Amino acid sequence: QVQLVESGGGLVQAGGSLRISCAASGRIFTVNNMDWYRQAQGEQRELVARITSGGTTNYADSVKGRFTVSRDNAKKTVYLQMNSLKPEDTAVYYCNARILSGLPPQWYDYWGQGTQVTVSS
């Protein structure tokens, strides 16, 4: 029943910006951490950014100062603002959310379908 739907990916030139979003829907009691991961072709998935329910953020060293993660709790949506994009940022970006759902309520991790971000040199 719970789904995460991503949007906002695309093609951008180096130095440009994109904002991607991920919205949770379904029978949800609450959303805890909301994370962004990325996976480049032929490489392992890596954590890019995290925002807790209290608004604390963490970033991978490779994106610090360039990416900003935020959330809108009313919309159950997490955003990733990506500035000063580099070709090495090219990857499929996935959102992940820790969600309390079901009866009895339990914590589950859900994944979005992924959105492609391509940065040209």
PDB file of N, CA and C in Angstrom:
ATOM      1  N   GLN A   1       0.824  -1.210   0.000  1.00  0.00           N
ATOM      2  CA  GLN A   1       0.000   0.000   0.000  1.00  0.00           C
ATOM      3  C   GLN A   1       0.855   1.257   0.000  1.00  0.00           C
ATOM      4  N   VAL A   2       1.945   1.251   0.766  1.00  0.00           N
ATOM      5  CA  VAL A   2       2.824   2.412   0.817  1.00  0.00           C
ATOM      6  C   VAL A   2       3.674   2.462  -0.442  1.00  0.00           C
ATOM      7  N   GLN A   3       3.761   3.646  -1.025  1.00  0.00           N
ATOM      8  CA  GLN A   3       4.570   3.858  -2.210  1.00  0.00           C
ATOM      9  C   GLN A   3       5.356   5.149  -2.081  1.00  0.00           C
ATOM     10  N   LEU A   4       6.537   5.169  -2.685  1.00  0.00           N
ATOM     11  CA  LEU A   4       7.331   6.372  -2.825  1.00  0.00           C
ATOM     12  C   LEU A   4       7.456   6.669  -4.307  1.00  0.00           C
ATOM     13  N   VAL A   5       7.069   7.864  -4.710  1.00  0.00           N
ATOM     14  CA  VAL A   5       7.084   8.254  -6.110  1.00  0.00           C
ATOM     15  C   VAL A   5       8.052   9.413  -6.287  1.00  0.00           C
ATOM     16  N   GLU A   6       9.041   9.229  -7.159  1.00  0.00           N
ATOM     17  CA  GLU A   6      10.062  10.228  -7.403  1.00  0.00           C
ATOM     18  C   GLU A   6       9.788  10.983  -8.697  1.00  0.00           C
ATOM     19  N   SER A   7      10.296  12.204  -8.754  1.00  0.00           N
ATOM     20  CA  SER A   7      10.179  13.009  -9.953  1.00  0.00           C
ATOM     21  C   SER A   7      11.282  14.060  -9.968  1.00  0.00           C
ATOM     22  N   GLY A   8      11.498  14.655 -11.131  1.00  0.00           N
ATOM     23  CA  GLY A   8      12.399  15.789 -11.245  1.00  0.00           C
ATOM     24  C   GLY A   8      13.747  15.517 -11.869  1.00  0.00           C
ATOM     25  N   GLY A   9      14.050  14.273 -12.182  1.00  0.00           N
ATOM     26  CA  GLY A   9      15.322  13.975 -12.804  1.00  0.00           C
ATOM     27  C   GLY A   9      15.380  14.475 -14.235  1.00  0.00           C
ATOM     28  N   GLY A  10      16.570  14.424 -14.812  1.00  0.00           N
ATOM     29  CA  GLY A  10      16.731  14.864 -16.180  1.00  0.00           C
ATOM     30  C   GLY A  10      18.179  15.060 -16.547  1.00  0.00           C
ATOM     31  N   LEU A  11      18.382  15.745 -17.671  1.00  0.00           N
ATOM     32  CA  LEU A  11      19.704  16.029 -18.210  1.00  0.00           C
ATOM     33  C   LEU A  11      20.058  17.482 -17.948  1.00  0.00           C
ATOM     34  N   VAL A  12      21.252  17.707 -17.436  1.00  0.00           N
ATOM     35  CA  VAL A  12      21.702  19.061 -17.133  1.00  0.00           C
ATOM     36  C   VAL A  12      23.191  19.161 -17.435  1.00  0.00           C
ATOM     37  N   GLN A  13      23.632  20.351 -17.818  1.00  0.00           N
ATOM     38  CA  GLN A  13      25.049  20.576 -18.056  1.00  0.00           C
ATOM     39  C   GLN A  13      25.798  20.765 -16.744  1.00  0.00           C
ATOM     40  N   ALA A  14      27.082  20.454 -16.767  1.00  0.00           N
ATOM     41  CA  ALA A  14      27.918  20.664 -15.593  1.00  0.00           C
ATOM     42  C   ALA A  14      27.804  22.099 -15.108  1.00  0.00           C
ATOM     43  N   GLY A  15      27.676  22.243 -13.791  1.00  0.00           N
ATOM     44  CA  GLY A  15      27.484  23.548 -13.192  1.00  0.00           C
ATOM     45  C   GLY A  15      26.034  23.934 -13.006  1.00  0.00           C
ATOM     46  N   GLY A  16      25.128  23.178 -13.590  1.00  0.00           N
ATOM     47  CA  GLY A  16      23.714  23.467 -13.488  1.00  0.00           C
ATOM     48  C   GLY A  16      23.091  22.905 -12.234  1.00  0.00           C
ATOM     49  N   SER A  17      21.763  23.022 -12.162  1.00  0.00           N
ATOM     50  CA  SER A  17      21.023  22.619 -10.972  1.00  0.00           C
ATOM     51  C   SER A  17      19.796  21.803 -11.338  1.00  0.00           C
ATOM     52  N   LEU A  18      19.407  20.948 -10.422  1.00  0.00           N
ATOM     53  CA  LEU A  18      18.174  20.191 -10.508  1.00  0.00           C
ATOM     54  C   LEU A  18      17.606  20.032  -9.109  1.00  0.00           C
ATOM     55  N   ARG A  19      16.291  19.913  -9.032  1.00  0.00           N
ATOM     56  CA  ARG A  19      15.650  19.541  -7.787  1.00  0.00           C
ATOM     57  C   ARG A  19      14.786  18.318  -8.032  1.00  0.00           C
ATOM     58  N   ILE A  20      15.033  17.271  -7.271  1.00  0.00           N
ATOM     59  CA  ILE A  20      14.238  16.070  -7.363  1.00  0.00           C
ATOM     60  C   ILE A  20      13.414  15.917  -6.093  1.00  0.00           C
ATOM     61  N   SER A  21      12.300  15.216  -6.206  1.00  0.00           N
ATOM     62  CA  SER A  21      11.403  15.060  -5.083  1.00  0.00           C
ATOM     63  C   SER A  21      10.952  13.618  -4.961  1.00  0.00           C
ATOM     64  N   CYS A  22      10.471  13.279  -3.779  1.00  0.00           N
ATOM     65  CA  CYS A  22       9.975  11.940  -3.492  1.00  0.00           C
ATOM     66  C   CYS A  22       8.817  12.071  -2.523  1.00  0.00           C
ATOM     67  N   ALA A  23       7.641  11.613  -2.930  1.00  0.00           N
ATOM     68  CA  ALA A  23       6.439  11.726  -2.122  1.00  0.00           C
ATOM     69  C   ALA A  23       5.967  10.352  -1.676  1.00  0.00           C
ATOM     70  N   ALA A  24       5.686  10.225  -0.393  1.00  0.00           N
ATOM     71  CA  ALA A  24       5.168   8.986   0.169  1.00  0.00           C
ATOM     72  C   ALA A  24       3.649   9.037   0.241  1.00  0.00           C
ATOM     73  N   SER A  25       3.015   7.915  -0.043  1.00  0.00           N
ATOM     74  CA  SER A  25       1.566   7.830   0.043  1.00  0.00           C
ATOM     75  C   SER A  25       1.168   6.456   0.548  1.00  0.00           C
ATOM     76  N   GLY A  26      -0.057   6.352   1.047  1.00  0.00           N
ATOM     77  CA  GLY A  26      -0.565   5.088   1.555  1.00  0.00           C
ATOM     78  C   GLY A  26      -0.981   5.182   3.008  1.00  0.00           C
ATOM     79  N   ARG A  27      -1.142   4.023   3.609  1.00  0.00           N
ATOM     80  CA  ARG A  27      -1.577   3.941   5.004  1.00  0.00           C
ATOM     81  C   ARG A  27      -0.376   4.148   5.910  1.00  0.00           C
ATOM     82  N   ILE A  28      -0.084   5.395   6.191  1.00  0.00           N
ATOM     83  CA  ILE A  28       1.123   5.801   6.904  1.00  0.00           C
ATOM     84  C   ILE A  28       0.756   6.451   8.223  1.00  0.00           C
ATOM     85  N   PHE A  29       1.384   5.980   9.274  1.00  0.00           N
ATOM     86  CA  PHE A  29       1.229   6.628  10.570  1.00  0.00           C
ATOM     87  C   PHE A  29       2.209   7.780  10.728  1.00  0.00           C
ATOM     88  N   THR A  30       3.460   7.528  10.376  1.00  0.00           N
ATOM     89  CA  THR A  30       4.459   8.570  10.453  1.00  0.00           C
ATOM     90  C   THR A  30       5.653   8.178   9.590  1.00  0.00           C
ATOM     91  N   VAL A  31       6.438   9.182   9.222  1.00  0.00           N
ATOM     92  CA  VAL A  31       7.643   8.984   8.423  1.00  0.00           C
ATOM     93  C   VAL A  31       8.830   9.452   9.243  1.00  0.00           C
ATOM     94  N   ASN A  32       9.785   8.568   9.427  1.00  0.00           N
ATOM     95  CA  ASN A  32      10.977   8.925  10.183  1.00  0.00           C
ATOM     96  C   ASN A  32      12.046   9.466   9.224  1.00  0.00           C
ATOM     97  N   ASN A  33      13.178   8.800   9.149  1.00  0.00           N
ATOM     98  CA  ASN A  33      14.227   9.274   8.255  1.00  0.00           C
ATOM     99  C   ASN A  33      13.785   9.201   6.806  1.00  0.00           C
ATOM    100  N   MET A  34      14.244  10.161   6.017  1.00  0.00           N
ATOM    101  CA  MET A  34      14.068  10.136   4.572  1.00  0.00           C
ATOM    102  C   MET A  34      15.440  10.361   3.950  1.00  0.00           C
ATOM    103  N   ASP A  35      15.832   9.437   3.104  1.00  0.00           N
ATOM    104  CA  ASP A  35      17.184   9.408   2.567  1.00  0.00           C
ATOM    105  C   ASP A  35      17.180   9.479   1.049  1.00  0.00           C
ATOM    106  N   TRP A  36      18.290   9.953   0.515  1.00  0.00           N
ATOM    107  CA  TRP A  36      18.566   9.877  -0.909  1.00  0.00           C
ATOM    108  C   TRP A  36      19.809   9.035  -1.136  1.00  0.00           C
ATOM    109  N   TYR A  37      19.687   8.055  -2.001  1.00  0.00           N
ATOM    110  CA  TYR A  37      20.800   7.237  -2.456  1.00  0.00           C
ATOM    111  C   TYR A  37      20.986   7.451  -3.947  1.00  0.00           C
ATOM    112  N   ARG A  38      22.149   7.089  -4.433  1.00  0.00           N
ATOM    113  CA  ARG A  38      22.359   7.102  -5.870  1.00  0.00           C
ATOM    114  C   ARG A  38      23.201   5.901  -6.268  1.00  0.00           C
ATOM    115  N   GLN A  39      23.018   5.485  -7.505  1.00  0.00           N
ATOM    116  CA  GLN A  39      23.751   4.350  -8.035  1.00  0.00           C
ATOM    117  C   GLN A  39      24.132   4.644  -9.475  1.00  0.00           C
ATOM    118  N   ALA A  40      25.420   4.787  -9.705  1.00  0.00           N
ATOM    119  CA  ALA A  40      25.928   4.973 -11.053  1.00  0.00           C
ATOM    120  C   ALA A  40      26.015   3.622 -11.752  1.00  0.00           C
ATOM    121  N   GLN A  41      26.035   3.652 -13.073  1.00  0.00           N
ATOM    122  CA  GLN A  41      26.084   2.430 -13.855  1.00  0.00           C
ATOM    123  C   GLN A  41      27.296   1.595 -13.471  1.00  0.00           C
ATOM    124  N   GLY A  42      27.053   0.347 -13.095  1.00  0.00           N
ATOM    125  CA  GLY A  42      28.119  -0.558 -12.748  1.00  0.00           C
ATOM    126  C   GLY A  42      28.736  -0.348 -11.383  1.00  0.00           C
ATOM    127  N   GLU A  43      28.166   0.533 -10.573  1.00  0.00           N
ATOM    128  CA  GLU A  43      28.714   0.826  -9.259  1.00  0.00           C
ATOM    129  C   GLU A  43      27.701   0.511  -8.172  1.00  0.00           C
ATOM    130  N   GLN A  44      28.175   0.508  -6.927  1.00  0.00           N
ATOM    131  CA  GLN A  44      27.315   0.226  -5.792  1.00  0.00           C
ATOM    132  C   GLN A  44      26.477   1.443  -5.423  1.00  0.00           C
ATOM    133  N   ARG A  45      25.342   1.171  -4.816  1.00  0.00           N
ATOM    134  CA  ARG A  45      24.488   2.239  -4.335  1.00  0.00           C
ATOM    135  C   ARG A  45      25.127   2.901  -3.114  1.00  0.00           C
ATOM    136  N   GLU A  46      25.073   4.225  -3.061  1.00  0.00           N
ATOM    137  CA  GLU A  46      25.665   4.953  -1.964  1.00  0.00           C
ATOM    138  C   GLU A  46      24.676   5.958  -1.388  1.00  0.00           C
ATOM    139  N   LEU A  47      24.809   6.210  -0.104  1.00  0.00           N
ATOM    140  CA  LEU A  47      23.983   7.204   0.571  1.00  0.00           C
ATOM    141  C   LEU A  47      24.490   8.592   0.230  1.00  0.00           C
ATOM    142  N   VAL A  48      23.591   9.450  -0.227  1.00  0.00           N
ATOM    143  CA  VAL A  48      23.931  10.811  -0.609  1.00  0.00           C
ATOM    144  C   VAL A  48      23.562  11.808   0.479  1.00  0.00           C
ATOM    145  N   ALA A  49      22.343  11.704   0.997  1.00  0.00           N
ATOM    146  CA  ALA A  49      21.856  12.659   1.980  1.00  0.00           C
ATOM    147  C   ALA A  49      20.776  12.019   2.828  1.00  0.00           C
ATOM    148  N   ARG A  50      20.669  12.495   4.058  1.00  0.00           N
ATOM    149  CA  ARG A  50      19.656  12.012   4.983  1.00  0.00           C
ATOM    150  C   ARG A  50      19.076  13.184   5.743  1.00  0.00           C
ATOM    151  N   ILE A  51      17.772  13.121   5.984  1.00  0.00           N
ATOM    152  CA  ILE A  51      17.126  14.084   6.855  1.00  0.00           C
ATOM    153  C   ILE A  51      16.230  13.325   7.815  1.00  0.00           C
ATOM    154  N   THR A  52      16.394  13.599   9.106  1.00  0.00           N
ATOM    155  CA  THR A  52      15.607  12.931  10.126  1.00  0.00           C
ATOM    156  C   THR A  52      14.269  13.626  10.306  1.00  0.00           C
ATOM    157  N   SER A  53      13.413  13.016  11.113  1.00  0.00           N
ATOM    158  CA  SER A  53      12.120  13.623  11.396  1.00  0.00           C
ATOM    159  C   SER A  53      12.266  14.966  12.097  1.00  0.00           C
ATOM    160  N   GLY A  54      13.360  15.153  12.828  1.00  0.00           N
ATOM    161  CA  GLY A  54      13.621  16.408  13.497  1.00  0.00           C
ATOM    162  C   GLY A  54      14.322  17.440  12.645  1.00  0.00           C
ATOM    163  N   GLY A  55      14.662  17.088  11.416  1.00  0.00           N
ATOM    164  CA  GLY A  55      15.280  18.028  10.504  1.00  0.00           C
ATOM    165  C   GLY A  55      16.791  17.995  10.458  1.00  0.00           C
ATOM    166  N   THR A  56      17.416  17.095  11.192  1.00  0.00           N
ATOM    167  CA  THR A  56      18.864  16.964  11.131  1.00  0.00           C
ATOM    168  C   THR A  56      19.273  16.361   9.795  1.00  0.00           C
ATOM    169  N   THR A  57      20.293  16.930   9.186  1.00  0.00           N
ATOM    170  CA  THR A  57      20.736  16.476   7.869  1.00  0.00           C
ATOM    171  C   THR A  57      22.155  15.961   7.911  1.00  0.00           C
ATOM    172  N   ASN A  58      22.447  15.042   7.012  1.00  0.00           N
ATOM    173  CA  ASN A  58      23.780  14.513   6.807  1.00  0.00           C
ATOM    174  C   ASN A  58      24.006  14.348   5.315  1.00  0.00           C
ATOM    175  N   TYR A  59      25.246  14.558   4.889  1.00  0.00           N
ATOM    176  CA  TYR A  59      25.581  14.488   3.482  1.00  0.00           C
ATOM    177  C   TYR A  59      26.859  13.698   3.273  1.00  0.00           C
ATOM    178  N   ALA A  60      26.928  13.030   2.145  1.00  0.00           N
ATOM    179  CA  ALA A  60      28.182  12.445   1.727  1.00  0.00           C
ATOM    180  C   ALA A  60      29.188  13.555   1.449  1.00  0.00           C
ATOM    181  N   ASP A  61      30.457  13.281   1.715  1.00  0.00           N
ATOM    182  CA  ASP A  61      31.484  14.298   1.511  1.00  0.00           C
ATOM    183  C   ASP A  61      31.494  14.822   0.073  1.00  0.00           C
ATOM    184  N   SER A  62      31.172  13.968  -0.866  1.00  0.00           N
ATOM    185  CA  SER A  62      31.241  14.342  -2.267  1.00  0.00           C
ATOM    186  C   SER A  62      30.203  15.387  -2.672  1.00  0.00           C
ATOM    187  N   VAL A  63      29.160  15.576  -1.859  1.00  0.00           N
ATOM    188  CA  VAL A  63      28.102  16.516  -2.220  1.00  0.00           C
ATOM    189  C   VAL A  63      27.943  17.649  -1.226  1.00  0.00           C
ATOM    190  N   LYS A  64      28.694  17.653  -0.146  1.00  0.00           N
ATOM    191  CA  LYS A  64      28.585  18.713   0.847  1.00  0.00           C
ATOM    192  C   LYS A  64      28.851  20.077   0.223  1.00  0.00           C
ATOM    193  N   GLY A  65      28.002  21.023   0.566  1.00  0.00           N
ATOM    194  CA  GLY A  65      28.129  22.363   0.028  1.00  0.00           C
ATOM    195  C   GLY A  65      27.449  22.559  -1.304  1.00  0.00           C
ATOM    196  N   ARG A  66      27.030  21.478  -1.945  1.00  0.00           N
ATOM    197  CA  ARG A  66      26.372  21.559  -3.247  1.00  0.00           C
ATOM    198  C   ARG A  66      24.918  21.086  -3.209  1.00  0.00           C
ATOM    199  N   PHE A  67      24.633  20.081  -2.395  1.00  0.00           N
ATOM    200  CA  PHE A  67      23.291  19.510  -2.311  1.00  0.00           C
ATOM    201  C   PHE A  67      22.638  19.916  -0.998  1.00  0.00           C
ATOM    202  N   THR A  68      21.324  20.075  -1.030  1.00  0.00           N
ATOM    203  CA  THR A  68      20.552  20.379   0.158  1.00  0.00           C
ATOM    204  C   THR A  68      19.311  19.496   0.200  1.00  0.00           C
ATOM    205  N   VAL A  69      19.137  18.777   1.290  1.00  0.00           N
ATOM    206  CA  VAL A  69      17.959  17.939   1.464  1.00  0.00           C
ATOM    207  C   VAL A  69      16.980  18.650   2.398  1.00  0.00           C
ATOM    208  N   SER A  70      15.707  18.569   2.080  1.00  0.00           N
ATOM    209  CA  SER A  70      14.674  19.176   2.901  1.00  0.00           C
ATOM    210  C   SER A  70      13.434  18.300   2.855  1.00  0.00           C
ATOM    211  N   ARG A  71      12.475  18.601   3.726  1.00  0.00           N
ATOM    212  CA  ARG A  71      11.250  17.800   3.741  1.00  0.00           C
ATOM    213  C   ARG A  71      10.050  18.666   4.065  1.00  0.00           C
ATOM    214  N   ASP A  72       8.904  18.230   3.582  1.00  0.00           N
ATOM    215  CA  ASP A  72       7.618  18.837   3.870  1.00  0.00           C
ATOM    216  C   ASP A  72       6.777  17.740   4.508  1.00  0.00           C
ATOM    217  N   ASN A  73       6.630  17.793   5.814  1.00  0.00           N
ATOM    218  CA  ASN A  73       5.951  16.714   6.518  1.00  0.00           C
ATOM    219  C   ASN A  73       4.462  16.639   6.178  1.00  0.00           C
ATOM    220  N   ALA A  74       3.837  17.779   5.915  1.00  0.00           N
ATOM    221  CA  ALA A  74       2.428  17.776   5.541  1.00  0.00           C
ATOM    222  C   ALA A  74       2.209  17.028   4.236  1.00  0.00           C
ATOM    223  N   LYS A  75       3.151  17.159   3.312  1.00  0.00           N
ATOM    224  CA  LYS A  75       3.058  16.484   2.023  1.00  0.00           C
ATOM    225  C   LYS A  75       3.750  15.130   2.017  1.00  0.00           C
ATOM    226  N   LYS A  76       4.403  14.780   3.128  1.00  0.00           N
ATOM    227  CA  LYS A  76       5.171  13.537   3.220  1.00  0.00           C
ATOM    228  C   LYS A  76       6.143  13.437   2.053  1.00  0.00           C
ATOM    229  N   THR A  77       6.851  14.510   1.818  1.00  0.00           N
ATOM    230  CA  THR A  77       7.726  14.624   0.662  1.00  0.00           C
ATOM    231  C   THR A  77       9.116  15.071   1.081  1.00  0.00           C
ATOM    232  N   VAL A  78      10.117  14.484   0.454  1.00  0.00           N
ATOM    233  CA  VAL A  78      11.498  14.881   0.644  1.00  0.00           C
ATOM    234  C   VAL A  78      12.028  15.422  -0.679  1.00  0.00           C
ATOM    235  N   TYR A  79      12.880  16.440  -0.596  1.00  0.00           N
ATOM    236  CA  TYR A  79      13.449  17.078  -1.772  1.00  0.00           C
ATOM    237  C   TYR A  79      14.967  17.017  -1.708  1.00  0.00           C
ATOM    238  N   LEU A  80      15.584  17.015  -2.858  1.00  0.00           N
ATOM    239  CA  LEU A  80      17.021  17.140  -2.948  1.00  0.00           C
ATOM    240  C   LEU A  80      17.345  18.213  -3.978  1.00  0.00           C
ATOM    241  N   GLN A  81      17.821  19.352  -3.495  1.00  0.00           N
ATOM    242  CA  GLN A  81      18.264  20.427  -4.366  1.00  0.00           C
ATOM    243  C   GLN A  81      19.724  20.202  -4.692  1.00  0.00           C
ATOM    244  N   MET A  82      20.039  20.080  -5.969  1.00  0.00           N
ATOM    245  CA  MET A  82      21.385  19.773  -6.421  1.00  0.00           C
ATOM    246  C   MET A  82      21.918  20.944  -7.229  1.00  0.00           C
ATOM    247  N   ASN A  83      22.961  21.572  -6.721  1.00  0.00           N
ATOM    248  CA  ASN A  83      23.600  22.703  -7.377  1.00  0.00           C
ATOM    249  C   ASN A  83      25.024  22.342  -7.767  1.00  0.00           C
ATOM    250  N   SER A  84      25.582  23.139  -8.666  1.00  0.00           N
ATOM    251  CA  SER A  84      26.962  22.944  -9.115  1.00  0.00           C
ATOM    252  C   SER A  84      27.215  21.496  -9.501  1.00  0.00           C
ATOM    253  N   LEU A  85      26.322  20.955 -10.294  1.00  0.00           N
ATOM    254  CA  LEU A  85      26.394  19.545 -10.644  1.00  0.00           C
ATOM    255  C   LEU A  85      27.638  19.228 -11.465  1.00  0.00           C
ATOM    256  N   LYS A  86      28.162  18.047 -11.227  1.00  0.00           N
ATOM    257  CA  LYS A  86      29.352  17.552 -11.892  1.00  0.00           C
ATOM    258  C   LYS A  86      29.020  16.275 -12.649  1.00  0.00           C
ATOM    259  N   PRO A  87      29.786  15.950 -13.682  1.00  0.00           N
ATOM    260  CA  PRO A  87      29.537  14.693 -14.394  1.00  0.00           C
ATOM    261  C   PRO A  87      29.538  13.473 -13.478  1.00  0.00           C
ATOM    262  N   GLU A  88      30.354  13.484 -12.443  1.00  0.00           N
ATOM    263  CA  GLU A  88      30.393  12.355 -11.531  1.00  0.00           C
ATOM    264  C   GLU A  88      29.143  12.222 -10.670  1.00  0.00           C
ATOM    265  N   ASP A  89      28.245  13.200 -10.720  1.00  0.00           N
ATOM    266  CA  ASP A  89      26.957  13.084 -10.051  1.00  0.00           C
ATOM    267  C   ASP A  89      25.960  12.264 -10.862  1.00  0.00           C
ATOM    268  N   THR A  90      26.305  11.936 -12.085  1.00  0.00           N
ATOM    269  CA  THR A  90      25.416  11.153 -12.939  1.00  0.00           C
ATOM    270  C   THR A  90      25.118   9.805 -12.298  1.00  0.00           C
ATOM    271  N   ALA A  91      23.841   9.508 -12.118  1.00  0.00           N
ATOM    272  CA  ALA A  91      23.419   8.274 -11.465  1.00  0.00           C
ATOM    273  C   ALA A  91      21.906   8.208 -11.469  1.00  0.00           C
ATOM    274  N   VAL A  92      21.392   7.050 -11.089  1.00  0.00           N
ATOM    275  CA  VAL A  92      19.989   6.931 -10.744  1.00  0.00           C
ATOM    276  C   VAL A  92      19.861   7.255  -9.260  1.00  0.00           C
ATOM    277  N   TYR A  93      18.986   8.182  -8.945  1.00  0.00           N
ATOM    278  CA  TYR A  93      18.785   8.609  -7.570  1.00  0.00           C
ATOM    279  C   TYR A  93      17.529   7.959  -7.011  1.00  0.00           C
ATOM    280  N   TYR A  94      17.671   7.340  -5.847  1.00  0.00           N
ATOM    281  CA  TYR A  94      16.582   6.642  -5.190  1.00  0.00           C
ATOM    282  C   TYR A  94      16.295   7.276  -3.831  1.00  0.00           C
ATOM    283  N   CYS A  95      15.036   7.440  -3.511  1.00  0.00           N
ATOM    284  CA  CYS A  95      14.691   7.844  -2.159  1.00  0.00           C
ATOM    285  C   CYS A  95      14.360   6.615  -1.332  1.00  0.00           C
ATOM    286  N   ASN A  96      14.591   6.730  -0.053  1.00  0.00           N
ATOM    287  CA  ASN A  96      14.285   5.687   0.914  1.00  0.00           C
ATOM    288  C   ASN A  96      13.672   6.350   2.134  1.00  0.00           C
ATOM    289  N   ALA A  97      12.605   5.766   2.644  1.00  0.00           N
ATOM    290  CA  ALA A  97      11.942   6.327   3.812  1.00  0.00           C
ATOM    291  C   ALA A  97      11.650   5.241   4.822  1.00  0.00           C
ATOM    292  N   ARG A  98      11.877   5.560   6.078  1.00  0.00           N
ATOM    293  CA  ARG A  98      11.544   4.669   7.180  1.00  0.00           C
ATOM    294  C   ARG A  98      10.158   5.065   7.669  1.00  0.00           C
ATOM    295  N   ILE A  99       9.194   4.169   7.497  1.00  0.00           N
ATOM    296  CA  ILE A  99       7.789   4.505   7.652  1.00  0.00           C
ATOM    297  C   ILE A  99       7.119   3.571   8.648  1.00  0.00           C
ATOM    298  N   LEU A 100       6.357   4.145   9.554  1.00  0.00           N
ATOM    299  CA  LEU A 100       5.533   3.389  10.479  1.00  0.00           C
ATOM    300  C   LEU A 100       4.186   3.167   9.817  1.00  0.00           C
ATOM    301  N   SER A 101       3.842   1.898   9.600  1.00  0.00           N
ATOM    302  CA  SER A 101       2.613   1.584   8.898  1.00  0.00           C
ATOM    303  C   SER A 101       2.086   0.229   9.331  1.00  0.00           C
ATOM    304  N   GLY A 102       0.825  -0.040   8.977  1.00  0.00           N
ATOM    305  CA  GLY A 102       0.215  -1.321   9.248  1.00  0.00           C
ATOM    306  C   GLY A 102      -0.373  -1.424  10.641  1.00  0.00           C
ATOM    307  N   LEU A 103      -1.088  -2.519  10.858  1.00  0.00           N
ATOM    308  CA  LEU A 103      -1.657  -2.833  12.159  1.00  0.00           C
ATOM    309  C   LEU A 103      -1.275  -4.261  12.545  1.00  0.00           C
ATOM    310  N   PRO A 104      -0.597  -4.435  13.667  1.00  0.00           N
ATOM    311  CA  PRO A 104      -0.054  -3.375  14.516  1.00  0.00           C
ATOM    312  C   PRO A 104       1.029  -2.584  13.784  1.00  0.00           C
ATOM    313  N   PRO A 105       1.217  -1.333  14.129  1.00  0.00           N
ATOM    314  CA  PRO A 105       2.219  -0.516  13.426  1.00  0.00           C
ATOM    315  C   PRO A 105       3.613  -1.095  13.563  1.00  0.00           C
ATOM    316  N   GLN A 106       4.329  -1.092  12.455  1.00  0.00           N
ATOM    317  CA  GLN A 106       5.708  -1.534  12.407  1.00  0.00           C
ATOM    318  C   GLN A 106       6.506  -0.605  11.506  1.00  0.00           C
ATOM    319  N   TRP A 107       7.808  -0.597  11.721  1.00  0.00           N
ATOM    320  CA  TRP A 107       8.696   0.211  10.903  1.00  0.00           C
ATOM    321  C   TRP A 107       9.166  -0.589   9.690  1.00  0.00           C
ATOM    322  N   TYR A 108       9.078   0.030   8.524  1.00  0.00           N
ATOM    323  CA  TYR A 108       9.537  -0.562   7.277  1.00  0.00           C
ATOM    324  C   TYR A 108      10.340   0.457   6.489  1.00  0.00           C
ATOM    325  N   ASP A 109      11.273  -0.037   5.699  1.00  0.00           N
ATOM    326  CA  ASP A 109      11.975   0.793   4.735  1.00  0.00           C
ATOM    327  C   ASP A 109      11.348   0.609   3.362  1.00  0.00           C
ATOM    328  N   TYR A 110      11.019   1.728   2.723  1.00  0.00           N
ATOM    329  CA  TYR A 110      10.446   1.705   1.388  1.00  0.00           C
ATOM    330  C   TYR A 110      11.358   2.452   0.438  1.00  0.00           C
ATOM    331  N   TRP A 111      11.356   2.016  -0.818  1.00  0.00           N
ATOM    332  CA  TRP A 111      12.197   2.596  -1.857  1.00  0.00           C
ATOM    333  C   TRP A 111      11.374   3.164  -2.993  1.00  0.00           C
ATOM    334  N   GLY A 112      11.825   4.285  -3.512  1.00  0.00           N
ATOM    335  CA  GLY A 112      11.239   4.829  -4.715  1.00  0.00           C
ATOM    336  C   GLY A 112      11.726   4.082  -5.939  1.00  0.00           C
ATOM    337  N   GLN A 113      11.143   4.421  -7.088  1.00  0.00           N
ATOM    338  CA  GLN A 113      11.465   3.707  -8.323  1.00  0.00           C
ATOM    339  C   GLN A 113      12.772   4.168  -8.951  1.00  0.00           C
ATOM    340  N   GLY A 114      13.304   5.270  -8.496  1.00  0.00           N
ATOM    341  CA  GLY A 114      14.528   5.829  -9.044  1.00  0.00           C
ATOM    342  C   GLY A 114      14.249   6.858 -10.125  1.00  0.00           C
ATOM    343  N   THR A 115      15.079   7.885 -10.165  1.00  0.00           N
ATOM    344  CA  THR A 115      14.991   8.895 -11.213  1.00  0.00           C
ATOM    345  C   THR A 115      16.399   9.170 -11.734  1.00  0.00           C
ATOM    346  N   GLN A 116      16.526   9.205 -13.048  1.00  0.00           N
ATOM    347  CA  GLN A 116      17.832   9.360 -13.683  1.00  0.00           C
ATOM    348  C   GLN A 116      18.262  10.819 -13.680  1.00  0.00           C
ATOM    349  N   VAL A 117      19.476  11.065 -13.217  1.00  0.00           N
ATOM    350  CA  VAL A 117      20.108  12.374 -13.301  1.00  0.00           C
ATOM    351  C   VAL A 117      21.373  12.219 -14.128  1.00  0.00           C
ATOM    352  N   THR A 118      21.450  12.957 -15.221  1.00  0.00           N
ATOM    353  CA  THR A 118      22.605  12.895 -16.105  1.00  0.00           C
ATOM    354  C   THR A 118      23.207  14.285 -16.223  1.00  0.00           C
ATOM    355  N   VAL A 119      24.499  14.392 -15.950  1.00  0.00           N
ATOM    356  CA  VAL A 119      25.210  15.660 -16.001  1.00  0.00           C
ATOM    357  C   VAL A 119      26.245  15.566 -17.113  1.00  0.00           C
ATOM    358  N   SER A 120      26.120  16.414 -18.112  1.00  0.00           N
ATOM    359  CA  SER A 120      27.030  16.411 -19.242  1.00  0.00           C
ATOM    360  C   SER A 120      28.191  17.364 -18.986  1.00  0.00           C
ATOM    361  N   SER A 121      29.352  17.035 -19.538  1.00  0.00           N
ATOM    362  CA  SER A 121      30.541  17.853 -19.365  1.00  0.00           C
ATOM    363  C   SER A 121      30.600  18.970 -20.385  1.00  0.00           C
TER     364      SER A 121
END
